[in-house]
Amino acid sequence: MGDPWEPFNMTVLALRLSRAANGVSELNGRVCRQMWSSLYPDRSVEEVPIGHITNGVHARTVTAPLMSELYSKYLHPDWAARVTDVQMWAKVDEIPDQEIWWRHQLFKENSIAYARYRVQQVRQHRGEDGEIVQAAERLLDPEALTIGHW
């Protein structure tokens, strides 16, 4: 943790200007209350106004249609309603590697195409030279390990 009294600190700014603050889990909420308790000297650590949430995932919403189809085919037709079924997930090893790899490659191609498109848009918006704009078409090597966050 940085010094909460330093001239500028984004976390302190956010905590002071936000109506509510949460950790991403119960444990994280406890850690954050401890970390930032100096901002609330009139309160005990347990009273620091940082709560917690437990992230939930709605399987049908966050699963790509290609993966949903794969799960329906190899795990169970209604796999999304059975996400806690350990026996169902034990079948994941039966999915042929080539089917998973094909989907992985397709997702990667789509991600790279989207990244290139967005970079081109930004470069055009900035009024950059046409050659620089077109160079975005060569960004990211589909054969290289690429780790990203959207």
N, C-alpha and C. Protein backbone atom coordinates (compact mmCIF):
# COMPACT_ATOMS: atom_id res chain seq x y z
N MET A 1 0.84 -1.17 0.00
CA MET A 1 0.00 0.00 0.00
C MET A 1 0.88 1.23 0.00
N GLY A 2 0.49 2.23 -0.77
CA GLY A 2 1.20 3.49 -0.76
C GLY A 2 0.79 4.30 0.46
N ASP A 3 1.47 5.38 0.69
CA ASP A 3 1.15 6.28 1.80
C ASP A 3 -0.18 6.96 1.50
N PRO A 4 -1.22 6.73 2.32
CA PRO A 4 -2.53 7.32 2.04
C PRO A 4 -2.53 8.84 2.14
N TRP A 5 -1.48 9.41 2.72
CA TRP A 5 -1.44 10.86 2.89
C TRP A 5 -0.54 11.52 1.84
N GLU A 6 0.00 10.75 0.89
CA GLU A 6 0.83 11.36 -0.16
C GLU A 6 -0.03 12.30 -0.99
N PRO A 7 0.58 13.22 -1.72
CA PRO A 7 -0.21 14.25 -2.41
C PRO A 7 -1.29 13.72 -3.36
N PHE A 8 -1.03 12.62 -4.06
CA PHE A 8 -2.06 12.10 -4.95
C PHE A 8 -1.95 10.59 -5.03
N ASN A 9 -3.06 9.94 -4.83
CA ASN A 9 -3.10 8.49 -4.85
C ASN A 9 -4.47 8.10 -5.40
N MET A 10 -4.49 7.37 -6.51
CA MET A 10 -5.75 7.03 -7.17
C MET A 10 -6.68 6.20 -6.29
N THR A 11 -6.13 5.28 -5.51
CA THR A 11 -6.98 4.47 -4.66
C THR A 11 -7.64 5.33 -3.58
N VAL A 12 -6.86 6.22 -2.99
CA VAL A 12 -7.42 7.11 -1.97
C VAL A 12 -8.49 7.99 -2.59
N LEU A 13 -8.22 8.53 -3.76
CA LEU A 13 -9.22 9.35 -4.46
C LEU A 13 -10.50 8.56 -4.68
N ALA A 14 -10.38 7.35 -5.17
CA ALA A 14 -11.55 6.52 -5.45
C ALA A 14 -12.33 6.22 -4.17
N LEU A 15 -11.61 5.86 -3.10
CA LEU A 15 -12.30 5.55 -1.85
C LEU A 15 -13.01 6.77 -1.27
N ARG A 16 -12.39 7.93 -1.40
CA ARG A 16 -12.99 9.13 -0.83
C ARG A 16 -14.16 9.65 -1.67
N LEU A 17 -14.16 9.39 -2.97
CA LEU A 17 -15.21 9.92 -3.84
C LEU A 17 -16.31 8.92 -4.18
N SER A 18 -16.10 7.67 -3.82
CA SER A 18 -17.09 6.65 -4.16
C SER A 18 -18.14 6.52 -3.07
N ARG A 19 -19.33 6.20 -3.49
CA ARG A 19 -20.42 5.95 -2.55
C ARG A 19 -20.22 4.61 -1.85
N ALA A 20 -19.62 3.65 -2.57
CA ALA A 20 -19.41 2.32 -2.00
C ALA A 20 -18.12 1.74 -2.56
N ALA A 21 -17.50 0.86 -1.78
CA ALA A 21 -16.29 0.18 -2.21
C ALA A 21 -16.41 -1.28 -1.80
N ASN A 22 -15.93 -2.16 -2.66
CA ASN A 22 -16.02 -3.59 -2.40
C ASN A 22 -14.73 -4.29 -2.79
N GLY A 23 -14.41 -5.33 -2.05
CA GLY A 23 -13.39 -6.27 -2.48
C GLY A 23 -14.06 -7.30 -3.35
N VAL A 24 -13.28 -8.09 -4.06
CA VAL A 24 -13.86 -9.07 -4.99
C VAL A 24 -14.18 -10.41 -4.33
N SER A 25 -13.94 -10.50 -3.05
CA SER A 25 -14.28 -11.70 -2.29
C SER A 25 -14.33 -11.30 -0.82
N GLU A 26 -14.82 -12.18 0.02
CA GLU A 26 -14.87 -11.88 1.45
C GLU A 26 -13.46 -11.64 2.00
N LEU A 27 -12.53 -12.50 1.60
CA LEU A 27 -11.14 -12.35 2.05
C LEU A 27 -10.56 -11.03 1.56
N ASN A 28 -10.78 -10.69 0.29
CA ASN A 28 -10.25 -9.45 -0.25
C ASN A 28 -10.86 -8.24 0.46
N GLY A 29 -12.14 -8.32 0.80
CA GLY A 29 -12.77 -7.24 1.56
C GLY A 29 -12.08 -7.04 2.90
N ARG A 30 -11.78 -8.14 3.61
CA ARG A 30 -11.08 -8.04 4.90
C ARG A 30 -9.70 -7.42 4.73
N VAL A 31 -8.97 -7.88 3.71
CA VAL A 31 -7.62 -7.36 3.46
C VAL A 31 -7.69 -5.87 3.13
N CYS A 32 -8.64 -5.47 2.29
CA CYS A 32 -8.76 -4.06 1.92
C CYS A 32 -9.14 -3.19 3.12
N ARG A 33 -10.03 -3.68 3.98
CA ARG A 33 -10.38 -2.92 5.18
C ARG A 33 -9.14 -2.68 6.04
N GLN A 34 -8.32 -3.71 6.16
CA GLN A 34 -7.07 -3.57 6.93
C GLN A 34 -6.12 -2.60 6.24
N MET A 35 -5.94 -2.79 4.92
CA MET A 35 -5.00 -1.95 4.16
C MET A 35 -5.34 -0.47 4.24
N TRP A 36 -6.62 -0.16 4.15
CA TRP A 36 -7.03 1.23 4.03
C TRP A 36 -7.64 1.79 5.31
N SER A 37 -7.46 1.09 6.42
CA SER A 37 -8.04 1.54 7.69
C SER A 37 -7.49 2.90 8.12
N SER A 38 -6.27 3.25 7.71
CA SER A 38 -5.71 4.55 8.11
C SER A 38 -6.50 5.72 7.53
N LEU A 39 -7.29 5.48 6.49
CA LEU A 39 -8.13 6.54 5.93
C LEU A 39 -9.34 6.83 6.81
N TYR A 40 -9.62 5.93 7.73
CA TYR A 40 -10.80 6.03 8.58
C TYR A 40 -10.36 5.92 10.05
N PRO A 41 -9.60 6.90 10.55
CA PRO A 41 -9.01 6.78 11.89
C PRO A 41 -10.03 6.71 13.03
N ASP A 42 -11.26 7.14 12.75
CA ASP A 42 -12.28 7.12 13.78
C ASP A 42 -13.05 5.80 13.83
N ARG A 43 -12.64 4.83 13.01
CA ARG A 43 -13.36 3.54 12.94
C ARG A 43 -12.41 2.38 13.18
N SER A 44 -12.97 1.30 13.70
CA SER A 44 -12.17 0.08 13.83
C SER A 44 -12.03 -0.53 12.43
N VAL A 45 -11.09 -1.45 12.28
CA VAL A 45 -10.88 -2.09 10.98
C VAL A 45 -12.18 -2.72 10.48
N GLU A 46 -12.93 -3.35 11.37
CA GLU A 46 -14.18 -4.01 10.97
C GLU A 46 -15.22 -3.01 10.49
N GLU A 47 -15.11 -1.75 10.90
CA GLU A 47 -16.08 -0.72 10.52
C GLU A 47 -15.69 0.08 9.28
N VAL A 48 -14.50 -0.19 8.74
CA VAL A 48 -14.07 0.51 7.52
C VAL A 48 -15.09 0.20 6.43
N PRO A 49 -15.59 1.22 5.73
CA PRO A 49 -16.69 1.00 4.78
C PRO A 49 -16.27 0.40 3.44
N ILE A 50 -15.68 -0.75 3.52
CA ILE A 50 -15.34 -1.51 2.32
C ILE A 50 -15.99 -2.88 2.49
N GLY A 51 -16.93 -3.18 1.62
CA GLY A 51 -17.63 -4.45 1.71
C GLY A 51 -16.95 -5.50 0.84
N HIS A 52 -17.73 -6.44 0.41
CA HIS A 52 -17.21 -7.45 -0.51
C HIS A 52 -18.37 -8.02 -1.32
N ILE A 53 -18.03 -8.52 -2.45
CA ILE A 53 -18.99 -9.23 -3.28
C ILE A 53 -18.32 -10.53 -3.70
N THR A 54 -19.09 -11.50 -4.02
CA THR A 54 -18.53 -12.73 -4.58
C THR A 54 -19.02 -12.80 -6.01
N ASN A 55 -18.07 -12.74 -6.90
CA ASN A 55 -18.43 -12.74 -8.31
C ASN A 55 -19.11 -14.05 -8.68
N GLY A 56 -20.19 -13.94 -9.38
CA GLY A 56 -20.87 -15.11 -9.90
C GLY A 56 -20.79 -15.08 -11.43
N VAL A 57 -20.96 -16.21 -12.02
CA VAL A 57 -20.88 -16.29 -13.47
C VAL A 57 -22.15 -16.95 -13.98
N HIS A 58 -22.77 -16.30 -14.94
CA HIS A 58 -23.92 -16.90 -15.61
C HIS A 58 -23.38 -17.62 -16.84
N ALA A 59 -23.30 -18.92 -16.76
CA ALA A 59 -22.61 -19.73 -17.77
C ALA A 59 -23.10 -19.46 -19.20
N ARG A 60 -24.39 -19.37 -19.41
CA ARG A 60 -24.90 -19.16 -20.77
C ARG A 60 -24.48 -17.81 -21.33
N THR A 61 -24.31 -16.82 -20.47
CA THR A 61 -23.96 -15.48 -20.91
C THR A 61 -22.48 -15.37 -21.28
N VAL A 62 -21.62 -15.97 -20.46
CA VAL A 62 -20.18 -15.76 -20.65
C VAL A 62 -19.50 -16.82 -21.52
N THR A 63 -20.23 -17.84 -21.92
CA THR A 63 -19.63 -18.90 -22.72
C THR A 63 -19.90 -18.64 -24.20
N ALA A 64 -18.84 -18.63 -24.97
CA ALA A 64 -18.97 -18.41 -26.41
C ALA A 64 -19.83 -19.53 -27.03
N PRO A 65 -20.63 -19.18 -28.03
CA PRO A 65 -21.49 -20.20 -28.66
C PRO A 65 -20.71 -21.43 -29.15
N LEU A 66 -19.51 -21.24 -29.67
CA LEU A 66 -18.72 -22.40 -30.12
C LEU A 66 -18.39 -23.34 -28.97
N MET A 67 -18.11 -22.79 -27.80
CA MET A 67 -17.81 -23.63 -26.65
C MET A 67 -19.09 -24.24 -26.08
N SER A 68 -20.16 -23.49 -26.10
CA SER A 68 -21.44 -24.02 -25.62
C SER A 68 -21.85 -25.23 -26.45
N GLU A 69 -21.67 -25.12 -27.75
CA GLU A 69 -22.01 -26.24 -28.65
C GLU A 69 -21.13 -27.46 -28.34
N LEU A 70 -19.86 -27.21 -28.08
CA LEU A 70 -18.93 -28.29 -27.74
C LEU A 70 -19.35 -28.97 -26.43
N TYR A 71 -19.67 -28.17 -25.43
CA TYR A 71 -20.10 -28.73 -24.15
C TYR A 71 -21.40 -29.52 -24.30
N SER A 72 -22.32 -28.99 -25.10
CA SER A 72 -23.59 -29.70 -25.31
C SER A 72 -23.35 -31.05 -25.96
N LYS A 73 -22.41 -31.07 -26.89
CA LYS A 73 -22.13 -32.30 -27.62
C LYS A 73 -21.42 -33.34 -26.76
N TYR A 74 -20.45 -32.93 -25.96
CA TYR A 74 -19.62 -33.90 -25.23
C TYR A 74 -19.94 -34.05 -23.74
N LEU A 75 -20.53 -33.02 -23.13
CA LEU A 75 -20.77 -33.10 -21.69
C LEU A 75 -22.22 -33.42 -21.37
N HIS A 76 -23.11 -32.55 -21.80
CA HIS A 76 -24.54 -32.75 -21.56
C HIS A 76 -25.29 -31.70 -22.37
N PRO A 77 -26.41 -32.07 -22.98
CA PRO A 77 -27.17 -31.08 -23.77
C PRO A 77 -27.56 -29.83 -22.98
N ASP A 78 -27.79 -29.98 -21.69
CA ASP A 78 -28.14 -28.83 -20.86
C ASP A 78 -27.03 -28.58 -19.83
N TRP A 79 -25.79 -28.53 -20.31
CA TRP A 79 -24.62 -28.38 -19.45
C TRP A 79 -24.69 -27.14 -18.57
N ALA A 80 -25.24 -26.03 -19.08
CA ALA A 80 -25.25 -24.78 -18.33
C ALA A 80 -26.10 -24.85 -17.08
N ALA A 81 -27.08 -25.71 -17.06
CA ALA A 81 -27.92 -25.88 -15.88
C ALA A 81 -27.27 -26.83 -14.88
N ARG A 82 -26.13 -27.44 -15.28
CA ARG A 82 -25.48 -28.44 -14.43
C ARG A 82 -24.02 -28.07 -14.16
N VAL A 83 -23.71 -26.79 -14.09
CA VAL A 83 -22.31 -26.38 -13.96
C VAL A 83 -21.63 -26.87 -12.69
N THR A 84 -22.40 -27.27 -11.69
CA THR A 84 -21.79 -27.78 -10.46
C THR A 84 -21.71 -29.30 -10.44
N ASP A 85 -22.08 -29.94 -11.54
CA ASP A 85 -22.09 -31.40 -11.63
C ASP A 85 -20.68 -31.91 -11.93
N VAL A 86 -20.02 -32.39 -10.91
CA VAL A 86 -18.63 -32.86 -11.03
C VAL A 86 -18.52 -34.01 -12.03
N GLN A 87 -19.48 -34.93 -12.03
CA GLN A 87 -19.44 -36.07 -12.96
C GLN A 87 -19.53 -35.59 -14.40
N MET A 88 -20.34 -34.56 -14.65
CA MET A 88 -20.44 -34.04 -16.01
C MET A 88 -19.09 -33.47 -16.45
N TRP A 89 -18.47 -32.66 -15.59
CA TRP A 89 -17.19 -32.04 -15.96
C TRP A 89 -16.06 -33.06 -16.06
N ALA A 90 -16.21 -34.22 -15.44
CA ALA A 90 -15.19 -35.26 -15.56
C ALA A 90 -15.09 -35.74 -17.01
N LYS A 91 -16.14 -35.54 -17.79
CA LYS A 91 -16.14 -35.95 -19.20
C LYS A 91 -15.33 -35.01 -20.08
N VAL A 92 -14.85 -33.91 -19.54
CA VAL A 92 -14.13 -32.94 -20.36
C VAL A 92 -12.90 -33.56 -21.02
N ASP A 93 -12.31 -34.53 -20.37
CA ASP A 93 -11.13 -35.20 -20.94
C ASP A 93 -11.47 -36.01 -22.19
N GLU A 94 -12.75 -36.28 -22.40
CA GLU A 94 -13.19 -37.04 -23.58
C GLU A 94 -13.33 -36.16 -24.82
N ILE A 95 -13.27 -34.85 -24.63
CA ILE A 95 -13.39 -33.95 -25.79
C ILE A 95 -12.09 -34.07 -26.59
N PRO A 96 -12.20 -34.37 -27.88
CA PRO A 96 -10.98 -34.49 -28.70
C PRO A 96 -10.17 -33.20 -28.71
N ASP A 97 -8.87 -33.34 -28.54
CA ASP A 97 -7.98 -32.18 -28.51
C ASP A 97 -8.14 -31.30 -29.74
N GLN A 98 -8.31 -31.93 -30.92
CA GLN A 98 -8.40 -31.14 -32.15
C GLN A 98 -9.64 -30.25 -32.17
N GLU A 99 -10.71 -30.68 -31.50
CA GLU A 99 -11.92 -29.85 -31.45
C GLU A 99 -11.69 -28.62 -30.57
N ILE A 100 -10.98 -28.82 -29.47
CA ILE A 100 -10.66 -27.68 -28.60
C ILE A 100 -9.68 -26.75 -29.30
N TRP A 101 -8.66 -27.34 -29.94
CA TRP A 101 -7.64 -26.52 -30.59
C TRP A 101 -8.25 -25.71 -31.74
N TRP A 102 -9.12 -26.29 -32.52
CA TRP A 102 -9.76 -25.58 -33.63
C TRP A 102 -10.49 -24.34 -33.11
N ARG A 103 -11.23 -24.51 -32.01
CA ARG A 103 -11.95 -23.38 -31.42
C ARG A 103 -10.99 -22.34 -30.87
N HIS A 104 -9.94 -22.79 -30.22
CA HIS A 104 -8.93 -21.87 -29.69
C HIS A 104 -8.35 -21.01 -30.82
N GLN A 105 -7.99 -21.66 -31.92
CA GLN A 105 -7.41 -20.93 -33.05
C GLN A 105 -8.41 -19.93 -33.63
N LEU A 106 -9.65 -20.31 -33.73
CA LEU A 106 -10.67 -19.41 -34.26
C LEU A 106 -10.84 -18.20 -33.34
N PHE A 107 -10.90 -18.43 -32.03
CA PHE A 107 -11.00 -17.32 -31.08
C PHE A 107 -9.79 -16.40 -31.20
N LYS A 108 -8.62 -16.99 -31.36
CA LYS A 108 -7.40 -16.19 -31.47
C LYS A 108 -7.42 -15.36 -32.74
N GLU A 109 -7.80 -15.96 -33.86
CA GLU A 109 -7.90 -15.22 -35.12
C GLU A 109 -8.87 -14.05 -35.00
N ASN A 110 -10.01 -14.31 -34.38
CA ASN A 110 -11.01 -13.25 -34.20
C ASN A 110 -10.49 -12.14 -33.30
N SER A 111 -9.79 -12.51 -32.24
CA SER A 111 -9.25 -11.51 -31.33
C SER A 111 -8.20 -10.65 -32.01
N ILE A 112 -7.33 -11.28 -32.78
CA ILE A 112 -6.29 -10.54 -33.50
C ILE A 112 -6.93 -9.62 -34.54
N ALA A 113 -7.92 -10.11 -35.26
CA ALA A 113 -8.60 -9.27 -36.25
C ALA A 113 -9.25 -8.07 -35.59
N TYR A 114 -9.88 -8.28 -34.45
CA TYR A 114 -10.52 -7.18 -33.74
C TYR A 114 -9.49 -6.17 -33.24
N ALA A 115 -8.38 -6.66 -32.67
CA ALA A 115 -7.33 -5.76 -32.19
C ALA A 115 -6.77 -4.93 -33.34
N ARG A 116 -6.52 -5.55 -34.46
CA ARG A 116 -6.01 -4.82 -35.63
C ARG A 116 -7.01 -3.75 -36.09
N TYR A 117 -8.27 -4.13 -36.14
CA TYR A 117 -9.33 -3.20 -36.55
C TYR A 117 -9.38 -1.99 -35.62
N ARG A 118 -9.35 -2.24 -34.30
CA ARG A 118 -9.42 -1.14 -33.33
C ARG A 118 -8.21 -0.23 -33.42
N VAL A 119 -7.02 -0.81 -33.59
CA VAL A 119 -5.82 0.01 -33.72
C VAL A 119 -5.90 0.87 -34.98
N GLN A 120 -6.39 0.29 -36.06
CA GLN A 120 -6.57 1.08 -37.29
C GLN A 120 -7.53 2.24 -37.05
N GLN A 121 -8.63 1.98 -36.37
CA GLN A 121 -9.61 3.03 -36.09
C GLN A 121 -8.98 4.16 -35.28
N VAL A 122 -8.23 3.82 -34.26
CA VAL A 122 -7.58 4.82 -33.41
C VAL A 122 -6.58 5.62 -34.22
N ARG A 123 -5.79 4.94 -35.02
CA ARG A 123 -4.78 5.64 -35.83
C ARG A 123 -5.45 6.57 -36.85
N GLN A 124 -6.52 6.12 -37.46
CA GLN A 124 -7.26 6.98 -38.39
C GLN A 124 -7.83 8.20 -37.67
N HIS A 125 -8.41 7.96 -36.52
CA HIS A 125 -9.01 9.05 -35.73
C HIS A 125 -7.97 10.10 -35.35
N ARG A 126 -6.76 9.65 -35.08
CA ARG A 126 -5.67 10.57 -34.73
C ARG A 126 -5.11 11.30 -35.95
N GLY A 127 -5.52 10.84 -37.14
CA GLY A 127 -5.02 11.46 -38.36
C GLY A 127 -3.61 11.02 -38.72
N GLU A 128 -3.25 9.82 -38.29
CA GLU A 128 -1.90 9.33 -38.59
C GLU A 128 -1.76 8.98 -40.07
N ASP A 129 -0.54 8.93 -40.52
CA ASP A 129 -0.22 8.64 -41.91
C ASP A 129 -0.84 7.31 -42.34
N GLY A 130 -1.30 7.24 -43.58
CA GLY A 130 -1.94 6.03 -44.11
C GLY A 130 -1.10 4.79 -43.98
N GLU A 131 0.21 4.93 -44.13
CA GLU A 131 1.11 3.78 -44.00
C GLU A 131 1.09 3.24 -42.56
N ILE A 132 1.04 4.13 -41.61
CA ILE A 132 0.99 3.74 -40.20
C ILE A 132 -0.36 3.07 -39.91
N VAL A 133 -1.42 3.61 -40.48
CA VAL A 133 -2.75 3.02 -40.30
C VAL A 133 -2.75 1.60 -40.87
N GLN A 134 -2.23 1.43 -42.06
CA GLN A 134 -2.21 0.10 -42.70
C GLN A 134 -1.30 -0.88 -41.98
N ALA A 135 -0.27 -0.39 -41.29
CA ALA A 135 0.65 -1.27 -40.58
C ALA A 135 -0.07 -2.06 -39.47
N ALA A 136 -1.21 -1.55 -39.03
CA ALA A 136 -1.98 -2.26 -38.01
C ALA A 136 -2.42 -3.63 -38.50
N GLU A 137 -2.51 -3.81 -39.81
CA GLU A 137 -2.90 -5.11 -40.37
C GLU A 137 -1.87 -6.20 -40.11
N ARG A 138 -0.67 -5.79 -39.69
CA ARG A 138 0.39 -6.76 -39.43
C ARG A 138 0.67 -6.93 -37.93
N LEU A 139 -0.13 -6.28 -37.11
CA LEU A 139 0.08 -6.40 -35.67
C LEU A 139 -0.26 -7.81 -35.19
N LEU A 140 0.42 -8.26 -34.20
CA LEU A 140 0.21 -9.54 -33.54
C LEU A 140 0.43 -10.73 -34.47
N ASP A 141 1.27 -11.60 -34.05
CA ASP A 141 1.62 -12.80 -34.81
C ASP A 141 0.70 -13.94 -34.39
N PRO A 142 -0.13 -14.44 -35.31
CA PRO A 142 -1.04 -15.54 -34.95
C PRO A 142 -0.32 -16.81 -34.48
N GLU A 143 0.96 -16.93 -34.80
CA GLU A 143 1.73 -18.11 -34.40
C GLU A 143 2.39 -17.94 -33.04
N ALA A 144 2.34 -16.74 -32.48
CA ALA A 144 2.99 -16.47 -31.20
C ALA A 144 1.98 -16.58 -30.06
N LEU A 145 2.50 -16.91 -28.88
CA LEU A 145 1.67 -16.88 -27.69
C LEU A 145 1.28 -15.44 -27.45
N THR A 146 0.00 -15.19 -27.35
CA THR A 146 -0.49 -13.82 -27.14
C THR A 146 -1.39 -13.84 -25.92
N ILE A 147 -1.06 -13.00 -24.97
CA ILE A 147 -1.85 -12.88 -23.76
C ILE A 147 -2.39 -11.46 -23.73
N GLY A 148 -3.70 -11.34 -23.57
CA GLY A 148 -4.28 -10.00 -23.57
C GLY A 148 -5.47 -9.91 -22.65
N HIS A 149 -5.91 -8.71 -22.48
CA HIS A 149 -7.08 -8.43 -21.63
C HIS A 149 -7.93 -7.41 -22.35
N TRP A 150 -9.21 -7.69 -22.44
CA TRP A 150 -10.12 -6.73 -23.12
C TRP A 150 -10.82 -5.90 -22.12
